[in-house]
Amino acid sequence: MHLTSSSGSITPRSRHLLRQTALAVGCAALFAVLAGLVKSGWGPLARFDQGWVDHLHSYARDRTAWTASVQTLSDIGGTITMRTVLGVAAVWLWLIGARVLAVWAVAQTLIGWGVLWALKLSLDRRRPAFPDPVSHAGGPAYPSGHAMASAITCAALVGLFWSQLRRGGRIAACAAAASTVLPIGWTRTALGVHWPSDVLGGWLAAGVVLGAVTVAVELRRPGALARDIRRVNWRTRPRVQRIVVSSARPAPHDTAFDEAPDRPDGPVGRGPA
C-alpha cells in the first residue's frame, strides 16, 4: 500500500492510517508502563489507589440511596449493554451495505472482549476487599471491563458519523461520549470493585484495540472503510438534501480517493494497492 501520492504529499488515507497507528502504539506503551507499575506494586500508585477506594467506600457505605443509584448507572453501562449497542450498529451497517464497516464494528467488540480477558488473566490483579462491601464483582481487576467496553463503543459510534458533523456537532458528540465513558468508569471505583488504575488501564486498552483493528482492516482492504463511511453519510442524509447535492455535484472522478462520489451506488475509486 502506497503511503504517499505521486506528488509526494501524504494522502488523507495515509494520514488516517498514521493516526490510528499512533493511537494503538501510544496507548500500548502507556498501558505497558501502567501494567508494570501495577504488577510491581509501586508504592505511590498503590497508595493513590487505596486512598481513593477507601474514601469512596466510606461514602457509599453510609448512603444507601446514593449507592443504589451508582449501581444502577454501572449496570446500565455494563459490558453487555455496550457490546449490544455496537452489535446493533453492526447489523444496521450490514443492512445498508456498509459491510466492511460492519465487520470492523463486530471486530472491535469481539477482539476487545478477547483482549480484556487475556490481560485480566495474565496480570491477575486482586480487586479491592472490604469487610462490608457495597457491591460485588468477579474475576481479576485489571483492566476494567466496563471502562474498556464503554470507551470502545462510544468512540466507534462517534467515528461512524464524524465526517458528517461540523465543528459544533463534533464537540457535542465528543462531550456526549465523554459524559458516558467517564461516569461509567467512575462508578466502578465508587462501588469499590475496581482500583482507579484499573479504569485507566481499561481506557488505554480500548485505545489499543480501536487503533489496531482499524489499521488491520485498512491494510487488508485499503479504502474500504472510507467508502463505507460515505455510504453511511449518504444513507443518513435527508432525502431533499440528497436531491439538491446530486443535482449540484459535478461529474465524479474515480482517479483519486478523495474525489470518489459520496453516493455508494456510483463508481467509487479504489485506493492504491
C-alpha atoms as a PDB file:
ATOM      1  CA  MET A   1       0.000   0.000   0.000  1.00  0.00           C
ATOM      2  CA  HIS A   2       1.414   3.392  -1.018  1.00  0.00           C
ATOM      3  CA  LEU A   3       1.519   5.927   1.820  1.00  0.00           C
ATOM      4  CA  THR A   4       2.085   8.906  -0.449  1.00  0.00           C
ATOM      5  CA  SER A   5       0.627  10.115  -3.710  1.00  0.00           C
ATOM      6  CA  SER A   6       2.593  10.556  -6.922  1.00  0.00           C
ATOM      7  CA  SER A   7       3.283  14.196  -5.987  1.00  0.00           C
ATOM      8  CA  GLY A   8       4.930  13.127  -2.742  1.00  0.00           C
ATOM      9  CA  SER A   9       2.259  14.586  -0.469  1.00  0.00           C
ATOM     10  CA  ILE A  10       0.653  12.499   2.242  1.00  0.00           C
ATOM     11  CA  THR A  11      -2.841  11.388   1.277  1.00  0.00           C
ATOM     12  CA  PRO A  12      -5.870  11.580   3.621  1.00  0.00           C
ATOM     13  CA  ARG A  13      -5.896   7.770   3.754  1.00  0.00           C
ATOM     14  CA  SER A  14      -2.271   7.598   4.871  1.00  0.00           C
ATOM     15  CA  ARG A  15      -2.859  10.332   7.468  1.00  0.00           C
ATOM     16  CA  HIS A  16      -5.755   8.310   8.851  1.00  0.00           C
ATOM     17  CA  LEU A  17      -3.585   5.183   8.936  1.00  0.00           C
ATOM     18  CA  LEU A  18      -0.791   7.028  10.720  1.00  0.00           C
ATOM     19  CA  ARG A  19      -3.195   8.495  13.298  1.00  0.00           C
ATOM     20  CA  GLN A  20      -4.645   5.076  14.074  1.00  0.00           C
ATOM     21  CA  THR A  21      -1.184   3.540  14.307  1.00  0.00           C
ATOM     22  CA  ALA A  22      -0.089   6.297  16.680  1.00  0.00           C
ATOM     23  CA  LEU A  23      -3.219   5.723  18.787  1.00  0.00           C
ATOM     24  CA  ALA A  24      -2.556   1.988  19.089  1.00  0.00           C
ATOM     25  CA  VAL A  25       1.183   2.298  19.737  1.00  0.00           C
ATOM     26  CA  GLY A  26       0.852   5.204  22.156  1.00  0.00           C
ATOM     27  CA  CYS A  27      -1.883   3.554  24.205  1.00  0.00           C
ATOM     28  CA  ALA A  28       0.001   0.242  24.188  1.00  0.00           C
ATOM     29  CA  ALA A  29       3.133   1.940  25.548  1.00  0.00           C
ATOM     30  CA  LEU A  30       1.213   3.722  28.291  1.00  0.00           C
ATOM     31  CA  PHE A  31      -0.697   0.554  29.139  1.00  0.00           C
ATOM     32  CA  ALA A  32       2.553  -1.399  29.430  1.00  0.00           C
ATOM     33  CA  VAL A  33       4.023   1.197  31.788  1.00  0.00           C
ATOM     34  CA  LEU A  34       0.898   1.249  33.944  1.00  0.00           C
ATOM     35  CA  ALA A  35       0.679  -2.548  33.985  1.00  0.00           C
ATOM     36  CA  GLY A  36       4.308  -2.729  35.067  1.00  0.00           C
ATOM     37  CA  LEU A  37       3.651  -0.341  37.945  1.00  0.00           C
ATOM     38  CA  VAL A  38       0.566  -2.313  38.954  1.00  0.00           C
ATOM     39  CA  LYS A  39       2.384  -5.651  38.803  1.00  0.00           C
ATOM     40  CA  SER A  40       5.359  -4.374  40.799  1.00  0.00           C
ATOM     41  CA  GLY A  41       3.143  -2.820  43.469  1.00  0.00           C
ATOM     42  CA  TRP A  42       4.719   0.623  43.002  1.00  0.00           C
ATOM     43  CA  GLY A  43       4.163   2.496  46.252  1.00  0.00           C
ATOM     44  CA  PRO A  44       2.804   5.874  45.043  1.00  0.00           C
ATOM     45  CA  LEU A  45       0.295   4.193  42.728  1.00  0.00           C
ATOM     46  CA  ALA A  46      -0.756   1.678  45.383  1.00  0.00           C
ATOM     47  CA  ARG A  47      -1.309   4.471  47.923  1.00  0.00           C
ATOM     48  CA  PHE A  48      -3.266   6.527  45.397  1.00  0.00           C
ATOM     49  CA  ASP A  49      -5.498   3.573  44.508  1.00  0.00           C
ATOM     50  CA  GLN A  50      -6.068   2.601  48.117  1.00  0.00           C
ATOM     51  CA  GLY A  51      -6.792   6.141  49.254  1.00  0.00           C
ATOM     52  CA  TRP A  52      -9.417   6.754  46.593  1.00  0.00           C
ATOM     53  CA  VAL A  53     -11.123   3.410  47.084  1.00  0.00           C
ATOM     54  CA  ASP A  54     -11.196   3.736  50.882  1.00  0.00           C
ATOM     55  CA  HIS A  55     -12.662   7.240  50.712  1.00  0.00           C
ATOM     56  CA  LEU A  56     -15.358   6.313  48.197  1.00  0.00           C
ATOM     57  CA  HIS A  57     -16.249   3.122  50.026  1.00  0.00           C
ATOM     58  CA  SER A  58     -16.756   5.015  53.281  1.00  0.00           C
ATOM     59  CA  TYR A  59     -19.022   7.473  51.479  1.00  0.00           C
ATOM     60  CA  ALA A  60     -21.027   4.727  49.717  1.00  0.00           C
ATOM     61  CA  ARG A  61     -21.416   2.598  52.827  1.00  0.00           C
ATOM     62  CA  ASP A  62     -23.285   5.353  54.700  1.00  0.00           C
ATOM     63  CA  ARG A  63     -25.527   6.451  51.812  1.00  0.00           C
ATOM     64  CA  THR A  64     -27.711   3.601  50.646  1.00  0.00           C
ATOM     65  CA  ALA A  65     -29.811   5.558  48.156  1.00  0.00           C
ATOM     66  CA  TRP A  66     -26.743   7.142  46.573  1.00  0.00           C
ATOM     67  CA  THR A  67     -25.044   3.753  46.293  1.00  0.00           C
ATOM     68  CA  ALA A  68     -28.134   2.224  44.670  1.00  0.00           C
ATOM     69  CA  SER A  69     -28.192   4.958  42.034  1.00  0.00           C
ATOM     70  CA  VAL A  70     -24.492   4.457  41.287  1.00  0.00           C
ATOM     71  CA  GLN A  71     -25.045   0.695  40.992  1.00  0.00           C
ATOM     72  CA  THR A  72     -27.904   1.310  38.553  1.00  0.00           C
ATOM     73  CA  LEU A  73     -25.732   3.553  36.400  1.00  0.00           C
ATOM     74  CA  SER A  74     -22.979   0.951  36.458  1.00  0.00           C
ATOM     75  CA  ASP A  75     -25.417  -1.791  35.422  1.00  0.00           C
ATOM     76  CA  ILE A  76     -26.858   0.292  32.582  1.00  0.00           C
ATOM     77  CA  GLY A  77     -23.384   1.000  31.260  1.00  0.00           C
ATOM     78  CA  GLY A  78     -22.177  -2.570  31.674  1.00  0.00           C
ATOM     79  CA  THR A  79     -20.208  -4.599  29.176  1.00  0.00           C
ATOM     80  CA  ILE A  80     -23.261  -6.473  27.880  1.00  0.00           C
ATOM     81  CA  THR A  81     -25.107  -3.228  27.187  1.00  0.00           C
ATOM     82  CA  MET A  82     -22.165  -1.651  25.389  1.00  0.00           C
ATOM     83  CA  ARG A  83     -21.442  -4.694  23.253  1.00  0.00           C
ATOM     84  CA  THR A  84     -25.124  -4.997  22.380  1.00  0.00           C
ATOM     85  CA  VAL A  85     -25.253  -1.368  21.259  1.00  0.00           C
ATOM     86  CA  LEU A  86     -22.238  -1.848  18.998  1.00  0.00           C
ATOM     87  CA  GLY A  87     -23.697  -5.124  17.756  1.00  0.00           C
ATOM     88  CA  VAL A  88     -26.955  -3.406  16.782  1.00  0.00           C
ATOM     89  CA  ALA A  89     -24.932  -0.756  14.960  1.00  0.00           C
ATOM     90  CA  ALA A  90     -23.082  -3.512  13.100  1.00  0.00           C
ATOM     91  CA  VAL A  91     -26.364  -5.121  11.988  1.00  0.00           C
ATOM     92  CA  TRP A  92     -27.611  -1.757  10.703  1.00  0.00           C
ATOM     93  CA  LEU A  93     -24.346  -1.177   8.826  1.00  0.00           C
ATOM     94  CA  TRP A  94     -24.620  -4.613   7.232  1.00  0.00           C
ATOM     95  CA  LEU A  95     -28.204  -3.989   6.127  1.00  0.00           C
ATOM     96  CA  ILE A  96     -27.357  -0.688   4.401  1.00  0.00           C
ATOM     97  CA  GLY A  97     -24.459  -2.327   2.573  1.00  0.00           C
ATOM     98  CA  ALA A  98     -21.567  -0.934   4.648  1.00  0.00           C
ATOM     99  CA  ARG A  99     -20.309  -4.435   5.271  1.00  0.00           C
ATOM    100  CA  VAL A 100     -16.625  -3.769   5.831  1.00  0.00           C
ATOM    101  CA  LEU A 101     -17.606  -1.191   8.440  1.00  0.00           C
ATOM    102  CA  ALA A 102     -19.992  -3.740   9.975  1.00  0.00           C
ATOM    103  CA  VAL A 103     -17.177  -6.273  10.250  1.00  0.00           C
ATOM    104  CA  TRP A 104     -14.999  -3.543  11.761  1.00  0.00           C
ATOM    105  CA  ALA A 105     -17.629  -2.898  14.457  1.00  0.00           C
ATOM    106  CA  VAL A 106     -18.008  -6.602  15.251  1.00  0.00           C
ATOM    107  CA  ALA A 107     -14.229  -6.997  15.388  1.00  0.00           C
ATOM    108  CA  GLN A 108     -13.993  -4.133  17.875  1.00  0.00           C
ATOM    109  CA  THR A 109     -16.457  -5.954  20.124  1.00  0.00           C
ATOM    110  CA  LEU A 110     -15.050  -9.470  19.846  1.00  0.00           C
ATOM    111  CA  ILE A 111     -11.365  -8.577  19.849  1.00  0.00           C
ATOM    112  CA  GLY A 112     -11.960  -6.151  22.699  1.00  0.00           C
ATOM    113  CA  TRP A 113     -13.573  -8.934  24.718  1.00  0.00           C
ATOM    114  CA  GLY A 114     -10.739 -11.353  23.965  1.00  0.00           C
ATOM    115  CA  VAL A 115      -8.012  -8.815  24.767  1.00  0.00           C
ATOM    116  CA  LEU A 116      -9.751  -7.874  28.007  1.00  0.00           C
ATOM    117  CA  TRP A 117      -9.720 -11.402  29.364  1.00  0.00           C
ATOM    118  CA  ALA A 118      -6.228 -12.135  28.114  1.00  0.00           C
ATOM    119  CA  LEU A 119      -4.982  -9.119  30.040  1.00  0.00           C
ATOM    120  CA  LYS A 120      -7.044  -9.876  33.133  1.00  0.00           C
ATOM    121  CA  LEU A 121      -5.815 -13.454  33.352  1.00  0.00           C
ATOM    122  CA  SER A 122      -2.195 -12.588  32.611  1.00  0.00           C
ATOM    123  CA  LEU A 123      -1.986  -9.845  35.253  1.00  0.00           C
ATOM    124  CA  ASP A 124      -4.407 -11.452  37.738  1.00  0.00           C
ATOM    125  CA  ARG A 125      -4.773  -8.402  39.960  1.00  0.00           C
ATOM    126  CA  ARG A 126      -6.925  -8.716  43.055  1.00  0.00           C
ATOM    127  CA  ARG A 127      -9.921  -6.447  43.445  1.00  0.00           C
ATOM    128  CA  PRO A 128     -10.392  -4.168  46.461  1.00  0.00           C
ATOM    129  CA  ALA A 129     -11.609  -6.087  49.512  1.00  0.00           C
ATOM    130  CA  PHE A 130     -13.746  -4.768  52.373  1.00  0.00           C
ATOM    131  CA  PRO A 131     -15.386  -6.458  55.362  1.00  0.00           C
ATOM    132  CA  ASP A 132     -18.631  -4.673  54.411  1.00  0.00           C
ATOM    133  CA  PRO A 133     -18.664  -4.341  50.609  1.00  0.00           C
ATOM    134  CA  VAL A 134     -21.432  -2.337  48.925  1.00  0.00           C
ATOM    135  CA  SER A 135     -21.111  -4.221  45.612  1.00  0.00           C
ATOM    136  CA  HIS A 136     -19.592  -7.403  44.230  1.00  0.00           C
ATOM    137  CA  ALA A 137     -17.805  -8.327  41.007  1.00  0.00           C
ATOM    138  CA  GLY A 138     -15.956 -11.445  39.917  1.00  0.00           C
ATOM    139  CA  GLY A 139     -12.734 -12.072  38.067  1.00  0.00           C
ATOM    140  CA  PRO A 140      -9.397 -10.257  38.135  1.00  0.00           C
ATOM    141  CA  ALA A 141      -9.421  -6.470  38.422  1.00  0.00           C
ATOM    142  CA  TYR A 142      -7.010  -5.095  35.811  1.00  0.00           C
ATOM    143  CA  PRO A 143      -8.138  -3.705  33.407  1.00  0.00           C
ATOM    144  CA  SER A 144     -11.753  -2.673  33.986  1.00  0.00           C
ATOM    145  CA  GLY A 145     -14.132  -4.300  31.508  1.00  0.00           C
ATOM    146  CA  HIS A 146     -16.772  -1.584  31.997  1.00  0.00           C
ATOM    147  CA  ALA A 147     -14.254   1.141  31.215  1.00  0.00           C
ATOM    148  CA  MET A 148     -12.863  -0.678  28.188  1.00  0.00           C
ATOM    149  CA  ALA A 149     -16.210  -1.652  26.629  1.00  0.00           C
ATOM    150  CA  SER A 150     -17.771   1.782  27.081  1.00  0.00           C
ATOM    151  CA  ALA A 151     -14.729   3.528  25.573  1.00  0.00           C
ATOM    152  CA  ILE A 152     -14.672   1.216  22.532  1.00  0.00           C
ATOM    153  CA  THR A 153     -18.412   1.553  21.900  1.00  0.00           C
ATOM    154  CA  CYS A 154     -18.652   5.325  22.328  1.00  0.00           C
ATOM    155  CA  ALA A 155     -15.527   6.023  20.277  1.00  0.00           C
ATOM    156  CA  ALA A 156     -16.740   3.723  17.492  1.00  0.00           C
ATOM    157  CA  LEU A 157     -20.171   5.389  17.368  1.00  0.00           C
ATOM    158  CA  VAL A 158     -18.642   8.865  17.239  1.00  0.00           C
ATOM    159  CA  GLY A 159     -16.311   7.702  14.474  1.00  0.00           C
ATOM    160  CA  LEU A 160     -19.184   6.442  12.326  1.00  0.00           C
ATOM    161  CA  PHE A 161     -20.682   9.917  11.957  1.00  0.00           C
ATOM    162  CA  TRP A 162     -17.600  12.102  12.438  1.00  0.00           C
ATOM    163  CA  SER A 163     -17.301  13.141   8.781  1.00  0.00           C
ATOM    164  CA  GLN A 164     -20.939  14.322   8.701  1.00  0.00           C
ATOM    165  CA  LEU A 165     -20.568  16.631  11.674  1.00  0.00           C
ATOM    166  CA  ARG A 166     -19.385  20.190  11.701  1.00  0.00           C
ATOM    167  CA  ARG A 167     -17.256  21.594  14.477  1.00  0.00           C
ATOM    168  CA  GLY A 168     -20.150  22.134  16.885  1.00  0.00           C
ATOM    169  CA  GLY A 169     -21.542  18.677  16.229  1.00  0.00           C
ATOM    170  CA  ARG A 170     -18.159  17.076  16.762  1.00  0.00           C
ATOM    171  CA  ILE A 171     -17.717  18.877  20.069  1.00  0.00           C
ATOM    172  CA  ALA A 172     -21.202  17.771  21.149  1.00  0.00           C
ATOM    173  CA  ALA A 173     -20.526  14.165  20.090  1.00  0.00           C
ATOM    174  CA  CYS A 174     -17.232  14.047  21.982  1.00  0.00           C
ATOM    175  CA  ALA A 175     -18.885  15.621  25.030  1.00  0.00           C
ATOM    176  CA  ALA A 176     -21.682  13.023  24.918  1.00  0.00           C
ATOM    177  CA  ALA A 177     -19.169  10.195  24.624  1.00  0.00           C
ATOM    178  CA  ALA A 178     -17.061  11.555  27.488  1.00  0.00           C
ATOM    179  CA  SER A 179     -20.136  12.069  29.670  1.00  0.00           C
ATOM    180  CA  THR A 180     -20.908   8.378  29.157  1.00  0.00           C
ATOM    181  CA  VAL A 181     -17.439   6.860  29.452  1.00  0.00           C
ATOM    182  CA  LEU A 182     -16.152   8.864  32.429  1.00  0.00           C
ATOM    183  CA  PRO A 183     -19.123   8.254  34.775  1.00  0.00           C
ATOM    184  CA  ILE A 184     -19.212   4.544  33.938  1.00  0.00           C
ATOM    185  CA  GLY A 185     -15.548   4.219  34.815  1.00  0.00           C
ATOM    186  CA  TRP A 186     -16.027   6.239  37.981  1.00  0.00           C
ATOM    187  CA  THR A 187     -18.892   4.032  39.182  1.00  0.00           C
ATOM    188  CA  ARG A 188     -16.598   1.009  39.283  1.00  0.00           C
ATOM    189  CA  THR A 189     -14.293   2.775  41.719  1.00  0.00           C
ATOM    190  CA  ALA A 190     -17.154   4.335  43.675  1.00  0.00           C
ATOM    191  CA  LEU A 191     -18.643   0.871  44.238  1.00  0.00           C
ATOM    192  CA  GLY A 192     -15.315  -0.489  45.456  1.00  0.00           C
ATOM    193  CA  VAL A 193     -14.974  -3.186  42.787  1.00  0.00           C
ATOM    194  CA  HIS A 194     -12.063  -1.608  40.877  1.00  0.00           C
ATOM    195  CA  TRP A 195      -8.994   0.452  41.618  1.00  0.00           C
ATOM    196  CA  PRO A 196      -8.689   3.789  39.762  1.00  0.00           C
ATOM    197  CA  SER A 197      -5.733   2.404  37.805  1.00  0.00           C
ATOM    198  CA  ASP A 198      -7.962  -0.456  36.598  1.00  0.00           C
ATOM    199  CA  VAL A 199     -10.248   2.096  34.975  1.00  0.00           C
ATOM    200  CA  LEU A 200      -7.351   3.983  33.391  1.00  0.00           C
ATOM    201  CA  GLY A 201      -5.969   0.686  32.126  1.00  0.00           C
ATOM    202  CA  GLY A 202      -9.343  -0.125  30.566  1.00  0.00           C
ATOM    203  CA  TRP A 203      -9.370   3.155  28.656  1.00  0.00           C
ATOM    204  CA  LEU A 204      -5.807   2.620  27.417  1.00  0.00           C
ATOM    205  CA  ALA A 205      -6.611  -0.941  26.329  1.00  0.00           C
ATOM    206  CA  ALA A 206      -9.622   0.398  24.426  1.00  0.00           C
ATOM    207  CA  GLY A 207      -7.332   2.781  22.527  1.00  0.00           C
ATOM    208  CA  VAL A 208      -5.081  -0.114  21.555  1.00  0.00           C
ATOM    209  CA  VAL A 209      -7.995  -2.167  20.237  1.00  0.00           C
ATOM    210  CA  LEU A 210      -9.612   0.741  18.387  1.00  0.00           C
ATOM    211  CA  GLY A 211      -6.391   1.716  16.644  1.00  0.00           C
ATOM    212  CA  ALA A 212      -5.105  -1.789  15.925  1.00  0.00           C
ATOM    213  CA  VAL A 213      -8.376  -3.108  14.484  1.00  0.00           C
ATOM    214  CA  THR A 214      -8.732  -0.054  12.259  1.00  0.00           C
ATOM    215  CA  VAL A 215      -5.163  -0.365  10.968  1.00  0.00           C
ATOM    216  CA  ALA A 216      -5.620  -4.092  10.312  1.00  0.00           C
ATOM    217  CA  VAL A 217      -8.830  -3.546   8.314  1.00  0.00           C
ATOM    218  CA  GLU A 218      -7.332  -0.628   6.399  1.00  0.00           C
ATOM    219  CA  LEU A 219      -4.257  -2.648   5.428  1.00  0.00           C
ATOM    220  CA  ARG A 220      -6.383  -5.655   4.450  1.00  0.00           C
ATOM    221  CA  ARG A 221      -8.957  -3.628   2.495  1.00  0.00           C
ATOM    222  CA  PRO A 222      -7.407  -0.264   1.527  1.00  0.00           C
ATOM    223  CA  GLY A 223     -10.045   2.456   1.240  1.00  0.00           C
ATOM    224  CA  ALA A 224     -12.963   0.177   2.138  1.00  0.00           C
ATOM    225  CA  LEU A 225     -13.693   1.872   5.459  1.00  0.00           C
ATOM    226  CA  ALA A 226     -13.781   5.303   3.822  1.00  0.00           C
ATOM    227  CA  ARG A 227     -16.121   4.058   1.095  1.00  0.00           C
ATOM    228  CA  ASP A 228     -18.444   2.594   3.711  1.00  0.00           C
ATOM    229  CA  ILE A 229     -18.363   5.847   5.685  1.00  0.00           C
ATOM    230  CA  ARG A 230     -19.508   7.637   2.511  1.00  0.00           C
ATOM    231  CA  ARG A 231     -22.292   5.074   2.216  1.00  0.00           C
ATOM    232  CA  VAL A 232     -23.366   5.809   5.799  1.00  0.00           C
ATOM    233  CA  ASN A 233     -23.267   9.538   5.065  1.00  0.00           C
ATOM    234  CA  TRP A 234     -25.468   9.088   2.020  1.00  0.00           C
ATOM    235  CA  ARG A 235     -27.984   6.849   3.745  1.00  0.00           C
ATOM    236  CA  THR A 236     -28.377   9.158   6.732  1.00  0.00           C
ATOM    237  CA  ARG A 237     -28.812  12.406   4.798  1.00  0.00           C
ATOM    238  CA  PRO A 238     -32.295  13.896   4.406  1.00  0.00           C
ATOM    239  CA  ARG A 239     -33.774  12.908   1.045  1.00  0.00           C
ATOM    240  CA  VAL A 240     -34.208  16.532  -0.067  1.00  0.00           C
ATOM    241  CA  GLN A 241     -30.549  17.160   0.623  1.00  0.00           C
ATOM    242  CA  ARG A 242     -29.655  14.139  -1.486  1.00  0.00           C
ATOM    243  CA  ILE A 243     -31.539  15.550  -4.470  1.00  0.00           C
ATOM    244  CA  VAL A 244     -30.021  19.014  -4.131  1.00  0.00           C
ATOM    245  CA  VAL A 245     -26.488  17.698  -3.697  1.00  0.00           C
ATOM    246  CA  SER A 246     -26.880  15.224  -6.565  1.00  0.00           C
ATOM    247  CA  SER A 247     -28.042  17.943  -8.965  1.00  0.00           C
ATOM    248  CA  ALA A 248     -25.229  20.301  -7.946  1.00  0.00           C
ATOM    249  CA  ARG A 249     -22.397  17.782  -7.838  1.00  0.00           C
ATOM    250  CA  PRO A 250     -20.003  17.793 -10.827  1.00  0.00           C
ATOM    251  CA  ALA A 251     -19.227  14.620 -12.709  1.00  0.00           C
ATOM    252  CA  PRO A 252     -17.321  12.239 -10.443  1.00  0.00           C
ATOM    253  CA  HIS A 253     -13.696  11.356 -10.958  1.00  0.00           C
ATOM    254  CA  ASP A 254     -12.653   7.914  -9.946  1.00  0.00           C
ATOM    255  CA  THR A 255      -8.928   8.510 -10.244  1.00  0.00           C
ATOM    256  CA  ALA A 256      -8.308   9.660  -6.676  1.00  0.00           C
ATOM    257  CA  PHE A 257      -9.515   8.513  -3.290  1.00  0.00           C
ATOM    258  CA  ASP A 258     -10.758  11.925  -2.157  1.00  0.00           C
ATOM    259  CA  GLU A 259     -12.674  12.618  -5.359  1.00  0.00           C
ATOM    260  CA  ALA A 260     -14.811   9.471  -5.160  1.00  0.00           C
ATOM    261  CA  PRO A 261     -18.532  10.308  -5.086  1.00  0.00           C
ATOM    262  CA  ASP A 262     -20.417  10.108  -1.833  1.00  0.00           C
ATOM    263  CA  ARG A 263     -23.227   8.056  -3.320  1.00  0.00           C
ATOM    264  CA  PRO A 264     -22.423   4.376  -2.707  1.00  0.00           C
ATOM    265  CA  ASP A 265     -24.194   3.176  -5.848  1.00  0.00           C
ATOM    266  CA  GLY A 266     -21.983   5.194  -8.157  1.00  0.00           C
ATOM    267  CA  PRO A 267     -18.437   4.360  -9.268  1.00  0.00           C
ATOM    268  CA  VAL A 268     -16.033   4.546  -6.369  1.00  0.00           C
ATOM    269  CA  GLY A 269     -12.339   4.816  -6.938  1.00  0.00           C
ATOM    270  CA  ARG A 270     -10.239   2.177  -5.283  1.00  0.00           C
ATOM    271  CA  GLY A 271      -7.245   3.206  -3.252  1.00  0.00           C
ATOM    272  CA  PRO A 272      -3.747   2.208  -4.286  1.00  0.00           C
ATOM    273  CA  ALA A 273      -2.917  -1.386  -3.582  1.00  0.00           C
END
